[in-house]
PDB file of all heavy atoms in Angstrom:
ATOM      1  N   VAL A   1       0.851  -1.253  -0.021  1.00  0.00           N
ATOM      2  CA  VAL A   1      -0.042   0.014  -0.001  1.00  0.00           C
ATOM      3  C   VAL A   1       0.874   1.253   0.058  1.00  0.00           C
ATOM      4  O   VAL A   1       0.604   2.221  -0.685  1.00  0.00           O
ATOM      5  CB  VAL A   1      -0.988   0.005   1.243  1.00  0.00           C
ATOM      6  CG1 VAL A   1      -1.566   1.343   1.425  1.00  0.00           C
ATOM      7  CG2 VAL A   1      -2.042  -1.077   1.051  1.00  0.00           C
ATOM      8  N   ARG A   2       2.008   1.165   0.728  1.00  0.00           N
ATOM      9  CA  ARG A   2       2.861   2.325   0.823  1.00  0.00           C
ATOM     10  C   ARG A   2       3.733   2.612  -0.426  1.00  0.00           C
ATOM     11  O   ARG A   2       4.089   3.698  -0.787  1.00  0.00           O
ATOM     12  CB  ARG A   2       3.728   2.288   2.086  1.00  0.00           C
ATOM     13  CG  ARG A   2       2.907   2.680   3.327  1.00  0.00           C
ATOM     14  CD  ARG A   2       3.641   2.287   4.642  1.00  0.00           C
ATOM     15  NE  ARG A   2       2.795   2.693   5.712  1.00  0.00           N
ATOM     16  CZ  ARG A   2       1.761   2.075   6.183  1.00  0.00           C
ATOM     17  NH1 ARG A   2       1.338   0.979   5.597  1.00  0.00           N
ATOM     18  NH2 ARG A   2       1.068   2.544   7.293  1.00  0.00           N
ATOM     19  N   THR A   3       3.995   1.471  -1.138  1.00  0.00           N
ATOM     20  CA  THR A   3       4.849   1.643  -2.339  1.00  0.00           C
ATOM     21  C   THR A   3       4.030   1.723  -3.626  1.00  0.00           C
ATOM     22  O   THR A   3       4.452   2.438  -4.552  1.00  0.00           O
ATOM     23  CB  THR A   3       5.817   0.400  -2.556  1.00  0.00           C
ATOM     24  OG1 THR A   3       4.990  -0.778  -2.501  1.00  0.00           O
ATOM     25  CG2 THR A   3       6.850   0.377  -1.420  1.00  0.00           C
ATOM     26  N   GLU A   4       2.789   1.230  -3.605  1.00  0.00           N
ATOM     27  CA  GLU A   4       2.025   1.228  -4.834  1.00  0.00           C
ATOM     28  C   GLU A   4       0.922   2.352  -4.896  1.00  0.00           C
ATOM     29  O   GLU A   4       0.208   2.507  -5.833  1.00  0.00           O
ATOM     30  CB  GLU A   4       1.389  -0.120  -5.127  1.00  0.00           C
ATOM     31  CG  GLU A   4       2.414  -1.244  -5.343  1.00  0.00           C
ATOM     32  CD  GLU A   4       1.796  -2.585  -5.487  1.00  0.00           C
ATOM     33  OE1 GLU A   4       0.699  -2.671  -6.177  1.00  0.00           O
ATOM     34  OE2 GLU A   4       2.400  -3.629  -5.060  1.00  0.00           O
ATOM     35  N   THR A   5       0.746   3.029  -3.699  1.00  0.00           N
ATOM     36  CA  THR A   5      -0.096   4.221  -3.663  1.00  0.00           C
ATOM     37  C   THR A   5       0.718   5.335  -2.936  1.00  0.00           C
ATOM     38  O   THR A   5       1.779   5.117  -2.410  1.00  0.00           O
ATOM     39  CB  THR A   5      -1.369   3.920  -2.833  1.00  0.00           C
ATOM     40  OG1 THR A   5      -1.102   3.926  -1.445  1.00  0.00           O
ATOM     41  CG2 THR A   5      -2.078   2.556  -3.180  1.00  0.00           C
ATOM     42  N   SER A   6       0.090   6.537  -2.963  1.00  0.00           N
ATOM     43  CA  SER A   6       0.733   7.731  -2.267  1.00  0.00           C
ATOM     44  C   SER A   6       0.031   8.067  -0.999  1.00  0.00           C
ATOM     45  O   SER A   6       0.020   9.235  -0.592  1.00  0.00           O
ATOM     46  CB  SER A   6       0.748   8.876  -3.233  1.00  0.00           C
ATOM     47  OG  SER A   6       1.357   8.549  -4.446  1.00  0.00           O
ATOM     48  N   ILE A   7      -0.600   7.062  -0.311  1.00  0.00           N
ATOM     49  CA  ILE A   7      -1.393   7.340   0.817  1.00  0.00           C
ATOM     50  C   ILE A   7      -0.667   7.994   1.985  1.00  0.00           C
ATOM     51  O   ILE A   7      -1.184   8.737   2.769  1.00  0.00           O
ATOM     52  CB  ILE A   7      -2.151   6.052   1.278  1.00  0.00           C
ATOM     53  CG1 ILE A   7      -3.289   6.456   2.199  1.00  0.00           C
ATOM     54  CG2 ILE A   7      -1.215   5.120   1.981  1.00  0.00           C
ATOM     55  CD1 ILE A   7      -4.267   5.375   2.484  1.00  0.00           C
ATOM     56  N   GLY A   8       0.691   7.763   2.112  1.00  0.00           N
ATOM     57  CA  GLY A   8       1.412   8.270   3.199  1.00  0.00           C
ATOM     58  C   GLY A   8       1.947   9.675   3.033  1.00  0.00           C
ATOM     59  O   GLY A   8       2.609  10.210   3.893  1.00  0.00           O
ATOM     60  N   THR A   9       1.745  10.248   1.856  1.00  0.00           N
ATOM     61  CA  THR A   9       2.234  11.573   1.569  1.00  0.00           C
ATOM     62  C   THR A   9       1.266  12.641   1.748  1.00  0.00           C
ATOM     63  O   THR A   9       0.043  12.442   1.773  1.00  0.00           O
ATOM     64  CB  THR A   9       2.725  11.659   0.062  1.00  0.00           C
ATOM     65  OG1 THR A   9       1.564  11.403  -0.779  1.00  0.00           O
ATOM     66  CG2 THR A   9       3.835  10.601  -0.227  1.00  0.00           C
ATOM     67  N   GLY A  10       1.717  13.882   1.992  1.00  0.00           N
ATOM     68  CA  GLY A  10       0.849  15.023   2.241  1.00  0.00           C
ATOM     69  C   GLY A  10       0.462  15.208   3.659  1.00  0.00           C
ATOM     70  O   GLY A  10       0.090  14.305   4.334  1.00  0.00           O
ATOM     71  N   ALA A  11       0.716  16.461   4.105  1.00  0.00           N
ATOM     72  CA  ALA A  11       0.444  16.782   5.584  1.00  0.00           C
ATOM     73  C   ALA A  11      -1.027  16.692   5.871  1.00  0.00           C
ATOM     74  O   ALA A  11      -1.870  17.185   5.102  1.00  0.00           O
ATOM     75  CB  ALA A  11       0.975  18.204   5.841  1.00  0.00           C
ATOM     76  N   VAL A  12      -1.355  16.133   7.026  1.00  0.00           N
ATOM     77  CA  VAL A  12      -2.757  16.051   7.377  1.00  0.00           C
ATOM     78  C   VAL A  12      -2.959  16.581   8.817  1.00  0.00           C
ATOM     79  O   VAL A  12      -3.993  16.258   9.461  1.00  0.00           O
ATOM     80  CB  VAL A  12      -3.212  14.497   7.375  1.00  0.00           C
ATOM     81  CG1 VAL A  12      -3.360  14.093   5.914  1.00  0.00           C
ATOM     82  CG2 VAL A  12      -2.224  13.633   8.081  1.00  0.00           C
ATOM     83  N   SER A  13      -2.078  17.400   9.353  1.00  0.00           N
ATOM     84  CA  SER A  13      -2.333  18.139  10.592  1.00  0.00           C
ATOM     85  C   SER A  13      -1.793  19.590  10.284  1.00  0.00           C
ATOM     86  O   SER A  13      -0.986  19.820   9.481  1.00  0.00           O
ATOM     87  CB  SER A  13      -1.621  17.548  11.722  1.00  0.00           C
ATOM     88  OG  SER A  13      -0.193  17.747  11.598  1.00  0.00           O
ATOM     89  N   ILE A  14      -2.338  20.526  11.098  1.00  0.00           N
ATOM     90  CA  ILE A  14      -1.878  21.899  10.904  1.00  0.00           C
ATOM     91  C   ILE A  14      -0.422  22.060  11.049  1.00  0.00           C
ATOM     92  O   ILE A  14       0.273  22.784  10.310  1.00  0.00           O
ATOM     93  CB  ILE A  14      -2.654  22.855  11.919  1.00  0.00           C
ATOM     94  CG1 ILE A  14      -4.147  22.865  11.576  1.00  0.00           C
ATOM     95  CG2 ILE A  14      -2.080  24.253  11.877  1.00  0.00           C
ATOM     96  CD1 ILE A  14      -4.523  23.443  10.197  1.00  0.00           C
ATOM     97  N   SER A  15       0.179  21.448  12.138  1.00  0.00           N
ATOM     98  CA  SER A  15       1.599  21.529  12.301  1.00  0.00           C
ATOM     99  C   SER A  15       2.423  20.947  11.152  1.00  0.00           C
ATOM    100  O   SER A  15       3.445  21.541  10.707  1.00  0.00           O
ATOM    101  CB  SER A  15       2.023  20.864  13.666  1.00  0.00           C
ATOM    102  OG  SER A  15       1.581  19.534  13.713  1.00  0.00           O
ATOM    103  N   SER A  16       2.019  19.753  10.675  1.00  0.00           N
ATOM    104  CA  SER A  16       2.768  19.114   9.547  1.00  0.00           C
ATOM    105  C   SER A  16       2.535  19.960   8.291  1.00  0.00           C
ATOM    106  O   SER A  16       3.507  20.090   7.461  1.00  0.00           O
ATOM    107  CB  SER A  16       2.381  17.682   9.317  1.00  0.00           C
ATOM    108  OG  SER A  16       0.945  17.555   9.024  1.00  0.00           O
ATOM    109  N   ALA A  17       1.374  20.540   8.118  1.00  0.00           N
ATOM    110  CA  ALA A  17       1.111  21.393   6.936  1.00  0.00           C
ATOM    111  C   ALA A  17       1.976  22.640   6.945  1.00  0.00           C
ATOM    112  O   ALA A  17       2.496  23.048   5.900  1.00  0.00           O
ATOM    113  CB  ALA A  17      -0.358  21.729   6.818  1.00  0.00           C
ATOM    114  N   ALA A  18       2.212  23.213   8.161  1.00  0.00           N
ATOM    115  CA  ALA A  18       3.097  24.396   8.313  1.00  0.00           C
ATOM    116  C   ALA A  18       4.534  24.082   7.867  1.00  0.00           C
ATOM    117  O   ALA A  18       5.123  24.771   7.109  1.00  0.00           O
ATOM    118  CB  ALA A  18       3.012  24.899   9.702  1.00  0.00           C
ATOM    119  N   VAL A  19       4.969  22.913   8.315  1.00  0.00           N
ATOM    120  CA  VAL A  19       6.375  22.510   7.950  1.00  0.00           C
ATOM    121  C   VAL A  19       6.444  22.208   6.504  1.00  0.00           C
ATOM    122  O   VAL A  19       7.473  22.494   5.820  1.00  0.00           O
ATOM    123  CB  VAL A  19       6.826  21.345   8.884  1.00  0.00           C
ATOM    124  CG1 VAL A  19       8.160  20.833   8.418  1.00  0.00           C
ATOM    125  CG2 VAL A  19       6.874  21.769  10.326  1.00  0.00           C
ATOM    126  N   GLU A  20       5.413  21.466   5.977  1.00  0.00           N
ATOM    127  CA  GLU A  20       5.488  21.109   4.538  1.00  0.00           C
ATOM    128  C   GLU A  20       5.455  22.367   3.661  1.00  0.00           C
ATOM    129  O   GLU A  20       6.184  22.393   2.725  1.00  0.00           O
ATOM    130  CB  GLU A  20       4.228  20.239   4.232  1.00  0.00           C
ATOM    131  CG  GLU A  20       4.224  19.694   2.840  1.00  0.00           C
ATOM    132  CD  GLU A  20       3.077  18.766   2.558  1.00  0.00           C
ATOM    133  OE1 GLU A  20       3.155  17.584   2.952  1.00  0.00           O
ATOM    134  OE2 GLU A  20       2.082  19.192   1.946  1.00  0.00           O
ATOM    135  N   MET A  21       4.594  23.365   4.083  1.00  0.00           N
ATOM    136  CA  MET A  21       4.549  24.604   3.289  1.00  0.00           C
ATOM    137  C   MET A  21       5.918  25.362   3.382  1.00  0.00           C
ATOM    138  O   MET A  21       6.383  25.847   2.370  1.00  0.00           O
ATOM    139  CB  MET A  21       3.430  25.514   3.828  1.00  0.00           C
ATOM    140  CG  MET A  21       3.218  26.714   2.957  1.00  0.00           C
ATOM    141  SD  MET A  21       1.840  27.780   3.417  1.00  0.00           S
ATOM    142  CE  MET A  21       0.501  26.917   2.826  1.00  0.00           C
ATOM    143  N   ALA A  22       6.522  25.312   4.521  1.00  0.00           N
ATOM    144  CA  ALA A  22       7.826  26.048   4.718  1.00  0.00           C
ATOM    145  C   ALA A  22       8.877  25.280   3.862  1.00  0.00           C
ATOM    146  O   ALA A  22       9.610  25.978   3.126  1.00  0.00           O
ATOM    147  CB  ALA A  22       8.238  25.897   6.198  1.00  0.00           C
ATOM    148  N   GLN A  23       8.819  24.034   3.746  1.00  0.00           N
ATOM    149  CA  GLN A  23       9.728  23.240   2.899  1.00  0.00           C
ATOM    150  C   GLN A  23       9.577  23.605   1.448  1.00  0.00           C
ATOM    151  O   GLN A  23      10.558  23.742   0.670  1.00  0.00           O
ATOM    152  CB  GLN A  23       9.620  21.717   3.178  1.00  0.00           C
ATOM    153  CG  GLN A  23      10.771  20.919   2.483  1.00  0.00           C
ATOM    154  CD  GLN A  23      10.573  19.447   2.759  1.00  0.00           C
ATOM    155  OE1 GLN A  23       9.479  18.982   2.761  1.00  0.00           O
ATOM    156  NE2 GLN A  23      11.721  18.748   2.958  1.00  0.00           N
ATOM    157  N   MET A  24       8.327  23.711   1.018  1.00  0.00           N
ATOM    158  CA  MET A  24       8.034  24.051  -0.389  1.00  0.00           C
ATOM    159  C   MET A  24       8.562  25.414  -0.673  1.00  0.00           C
ATOM    160  O   MET A  24       9.006  25.699  -1.782  1.00  0.00           O
ATOM    161  CB  MET A  24       6.515  24.026  -0.537  1.00  0.00           C
ATOM    162  CG  MET A  24       5.942  22.596  -0.652  1.00  0.00           C
ATOM    163  SD  MET A  24       4.141  22.598  -0.502  1.00  0.00           S
ATOM    164  CE  MET A  24       3.664  23.735  -1.838  1.00  0.00           C
ATOM    165  N   LYS A  25       8.515  26.376   0.265  1.00  0.00           N
ATOM    166  CA  LYS A  25       8.867  27.718  -0.021  1.00  0.00           C
ATOM    167  C   LYS A  25      10.475  27.950  -0.024  1.00  0.00           C
ATOM    168  O   LYS A  25      10.973  28.703  -0.781  1.00  0.00           O
ATOM    169  CB  LYS A  25       8.296  28.700   1.091  1.00  0.00           C
ATOM    170  CG  LYS A  25       6.747  28.685   1.211  1.00  0.00           C
ATOM    171  CD  LYS A  25       6.205  29.388   0.032  1.00  0.00           C
ATOM    172  CE  LYS A  25       4.632  29.493   0.161  1.00  0.00           C
ATOM    173  NZ  LYS A  25       4.004  30.062  -1.074  1.00  0.00           N
ATOM    174  N   VAL A  26      11.135  27.203   0.839  1.00  0.00           N
ATOM    175  CA  VAL A  26      12.587  27.425   0.942  1.00  0.00           C
ATOM    176  C   VAL A  26      13.417  26.364   0.355  1.00  0.00           C
ATOM    177  O   VAL A  26      14.651  26.444   0.246  1.00  0.00           O
ATOM    178  CB  VAL A  26      12.994  27.656   2.455  1.00  0.00           C
ATOM    179  CG1 VAL A  26      12.235  28.742   3.058  1.00  0.00           C
ATOM    180  CG2 VAL A  26      12.741  26.339   3.281  1.00  0.00           C
ATOM    181  N   GLN A  27      12.901  25.221   0.013  1.00  0.00           N
ATOM    182  CA  GLN A  27      13.606  24.010  -0.611  1.00  0.00           C
ATOM    183  C   GLN A  27      14.488  23.350   0.450  1.00  0.00           C
ATOM    184  O   GLN A  27      14.414  22.123   0.566  1.00  0.00           O
ATOM    185  CB  GLN A  27      14.399  24.534  -1.774  1.00  0.00           C
ATOM    186  CG  GLN A  27      13.606  25.181  -2.858  1.00  0.00           C
ATOM    187  CD  GLN A  27      12.492  24.231  -3.456  1.00  0.00           C
ATOM    188  OE1 GLN A  27      12.644  23.079  -3.592  1.00  0.00           O
ATOM    189  NE2 GLN A  27      11.284  24.842  -3.686  1.00  0.00           N
ATOM    190  N   ASN A  28      15.349  24.108   1.122  1.00  0.00           N
ATOM    191  CA  ASN A  28      16.364  23.403   1.981  1.00  0.00           C
ATOM    192  C   ASN A  28      16.282  23.886   3.450  1.00  0.00           C
ATOM    193  O   ASN A  28      16.771  24.951   3.870  1.00  0.00           O
ATOM    194  CB  ASN A  28      17.719  23.690   1.501  1.00  0.00           C
ATOM    195  CG  ASN A  28      18.831  22.976   2.326  1.00  0.00           C
ATOM    196  OD1 ASN A  28      18.482  22.094   3.123  1.00  0.00           O
ATOM    197  ND2 ASN A  28      20.082  23.363   2.127  1.00  0.00           N
ATOM    198  N   LEU A  29      15.425  23.130   4.248  1.00  0.00           N
ATOM    199  CA  LEU A  29      15.258  23.544   5.637  1.00  0.00           C
ATOM    200  C   LEU A  29      16.508  23.489   6.476  1.00  0.00           C
ATOM    201  O   LEU A  29      16.682  24.266   7.385  1.00  0.00           O
ATOM    202  CB  LEU A  29      14.205  22.633   6.283  1.00  0.00           C
ATOM    203  CG  LEU A  29      12.704  22.967   6.007  1.00  0.00           C
ATOM    204  CD1 LEU A  29      11.804  21.886   6.641  1.00  0.00           C
ATOM    205  CD2 LEU A  29      12.293  24.345   6.606  1.00  0.00           C
ATOM    206  N   ALA A  30      17.428  22.646   6.078  1.00  0.00           N
ATOM    207  CA  ALA A  30      18.655  22.476   6.928  1.00  0.00           C
ATOM    208  C   ALA A  30      19.464  23.755   6.888  1.00  0.00           C
ATOM    209  O   ALA A  30      20.225  23.969   7.812  1.00  0.00           O
ATOM    210  CB  ALA A  30      19.469  21.361   6.335  1.00  0.00           C
ATOM    211  N   ALA A  31      19.299  24.583   5.819  1.00  0.00           N
ATOM    212  CA  ALA A  31      20.091  25.810   5.763  1.00  0.00           C
ATOM    213  C   ALA A  31      19.389  27.013   6.464  1.00  0.00           C
ATOM    214  O   ALA A  31      19.929  28.079   6.511  1.00  0.00           O
ATOM    215  CB  ALA A  31      20.357  26.086   4.328  1.00  0.00           C
ATOM    216  N   CYS A  32      18.195  26.753   6.989  1.00  0.00           N
ATOM    217  CA  CYS A  32      17.393  27.849   7.560  1.00  0.00           C
ATOM    218  C   CYS A  32      17.596  27.996   9.001  1.00  0.00           C
ATOM    219  O   CYS A  32      17.750  26.997   9.793  1.00  0.00           O
ATOM    220  CB  CYS A  32      15.905  27.679   7.234  1.00  0.00           C
ATOM    221  SG  CYS A  32      15.520  27.812   5.453  1.00  0.00           S
ATOM    222  N   ARG A  33      17.528  29.277   9.499  1.00  0.00           N
ATOM    223  CA  ARG A  33      17.457  29.520  10.951  1.00  0.00           C
ATOM    224  C   ARG A  33      16.008  29.558  11.363  1.00  0.00           C
ATOM    225  O   ARG A  33      15.249  30.393  10.844  1.00  0.00           O
ATOM    226  CB  ARG A  33      18.141  30.875  11.211  1.00  0.00           C
ATOM    227  CG  ARG A  33      19.639  30.877  10.887  1.00  0.00           C
ATOM    228  CD  ARG A  33      20.182  32.289  10.847  1.00  0.00           C
ATOM    229  NE  ARG A  33      19.496  33.128   9.742  1.00  0.00           N
ATOM    230  CZ  ARG A  33      19.756  34.399   9.569  1.00  0.00           C
ATOM    231  NH1 ARG A  33      20.586  35.091  10.275  1.00  0.00           N
ATOM    232  NH2 ARG A  33      19.081  35.079   8.653  1.00  0.00           N
ATOM    233  N   VAL A  34      15.596  28.703  12.270  1.00  0.00           N
ATOM    234  CA  VAL A  34      14.176  28.519  12.584  1.00  0.00           C
ATOM    235  C   VAL A  34      13.957  28.935  14.035  1.00  0.00           C
ATOM    236  O   VAL A  34      14.766  28.561  14.910  1.00  0.00           O
ATOM    237  CB  VAL A  34      13.690  26.997  12.447  1.00  0.00           C
ATOM    238  CG1 VAL A  34      12.200  26.870  12.723  1.00  0.00           C
ATOM    239  CG2 VAL A  34      13.983  26.555  10.926  1.00  0.00           C
ATOM    240  N   ALA A  35      12.877  29.581  14.237  1.00  0.00           N
ATOM    241  CA  ALA A  35      12.384  29.923  15.630  1.00  0.00           C
ATOM    242  C   ALA A  35      10.968  29.443  15.788  1.00  0.00           C
ATOM    243  O   ALA A  35      10.164  29.616  14.930  1.00  0.00           O
ATOM    244  CB  ALA A  35      12.452  31.471  15.867  1.00  0.00           C
ATOM    245  N   ILE A  36      10.740  28.867  16.980  1.00  0.00           N
ATOM    246  CA  ILE A  36       9.327  28.433  17.371  1.00  0.00           C
ATOM    247  C   ILE A  36       9.036  29.230  18.654  1.00  0.00           C
ATOM    248  O   ILE A  36       9.716  29.102  19.665  1.00  0.00           O
ATOM    249  CB  ILE A  36       9.302  26.930  17.606  1.00  0.00           C
ATOM    250  CG1 ILE A  36       9.635  26.157  16.291  1.00  0.00           C
ATOM    251  CG2 ILE A  36       7.907  26.554  18.126  1.00  0.00           C
ATOM    252  CD1 ILE A  36       9.772  24.628  16.564  1.00  0.00           C
ATOM    253  N   ILE A  37       7.913  29.893  18.617  1.00  0.00           N
ATOM    254  CA  ILE A  37       7.413  30.683  19.787  1.00  0.00           C
ATOM    255  C   ILE A  37       6.289  29.867  20.402  1.00  0.00           C
ATOM    256  O   ILE A  37       5.253  29.610  19.806  1.00  0.00           O
ATOM    257  CB  ILE A  37       6.965  32.108  19.350  1.00  0.00           C
ATOM    258  CG1 ILE A  37       8.123  32.799  18.607  1.00  0.00           C
ATOM    259  CG2 ILE A  37       6.446  32.849  20.601  1.00  0.00           C
ATOM    260  CD1 ILE A  37       7.669  34.120  18.051  1.00  0.00           C
ATOM    261  N   GLY A  38       6.575  29.354  21.628  1.00  0.00           N
ATOM    262  CA  GLY A  38       5.632  28.464  22.327  1.00  0.00           C
ATOM    263  C   GLY A  38       6.319  27.167  22.549  1.00  0.00           C
ATOM    264  O   GLY A  38       7.204  26.764  21.819  1.00  0.00           O
ATOM    265  N   ALA A  39       5.838  26.434  23.599  1.00  0.00           N
ATOM    266  CA  ALA A  39       6.472  25.171  23.897  1.00  0.00           C
ATOM    267  C   ALA A  39       5.418  24.116  24.259  1.00  0.00           C
ATOM    268  O   ALA A  39       5.654  23.170  25.023  1.00  0.00           O
ATOM    269  CB  ALA A  39       7.479  25.271  25.062  1.00  0.00           C
ATOM    270  N   GLY A  40       4.188  24.227  23.716  1.00  0.00           N
ATOM    271  CA  GLY A  40       3.127  23.310  24.045  1.00  0.00           C
ATOM    272  C   GLY A  40       3.110  22.099  23.061  1.00  0.00           C
ATOM    273  O   GLY A  40       4.120  21.850  22.330  1.00  0.00           O
ATOM    274  N   LYS A  41       1.960  21.400  22.946  1.00  0.00           N
ATOM    275  CA  LYS A  41       1.857  20.226  22.160  1.00  0.00           C
ATOM    276  C   LYS A  41       2.114  20.546  20.661  1.00  0.00           C
ATOM    277  O   LYS A  41       2.804  19.794  19.951  1.00  0.00           O
ATOM    278  CB  LYS A  41       0.423  19.645  22.322  1.00  0.00           C
ATOM    279  CG  LYS A  41       0.207  18.365  21.523  1.00  0.00           C
ATOM    280  CD  LYS A  41      -1.176  17.814  21.653  1.00  0.00           C
ATOM    281  CE  LYS A  41      -1.407  16.670  20.791  1.00  0.00           C
ATOM    282  NZ  LYS A  41      -2.796  16.198  20.834  1.00  0.00           N
TER     283      LYS A  41
END
């Protein structure tokens, strides 16, 4: 199912969508300086 379909791809939570969108915008997250404001769930 994971190799023959794409069911595991695409963000399905707000937090994962935020990171996915960031990755789309900057291409290389490893080179970015990142700040997170807040320390909750």
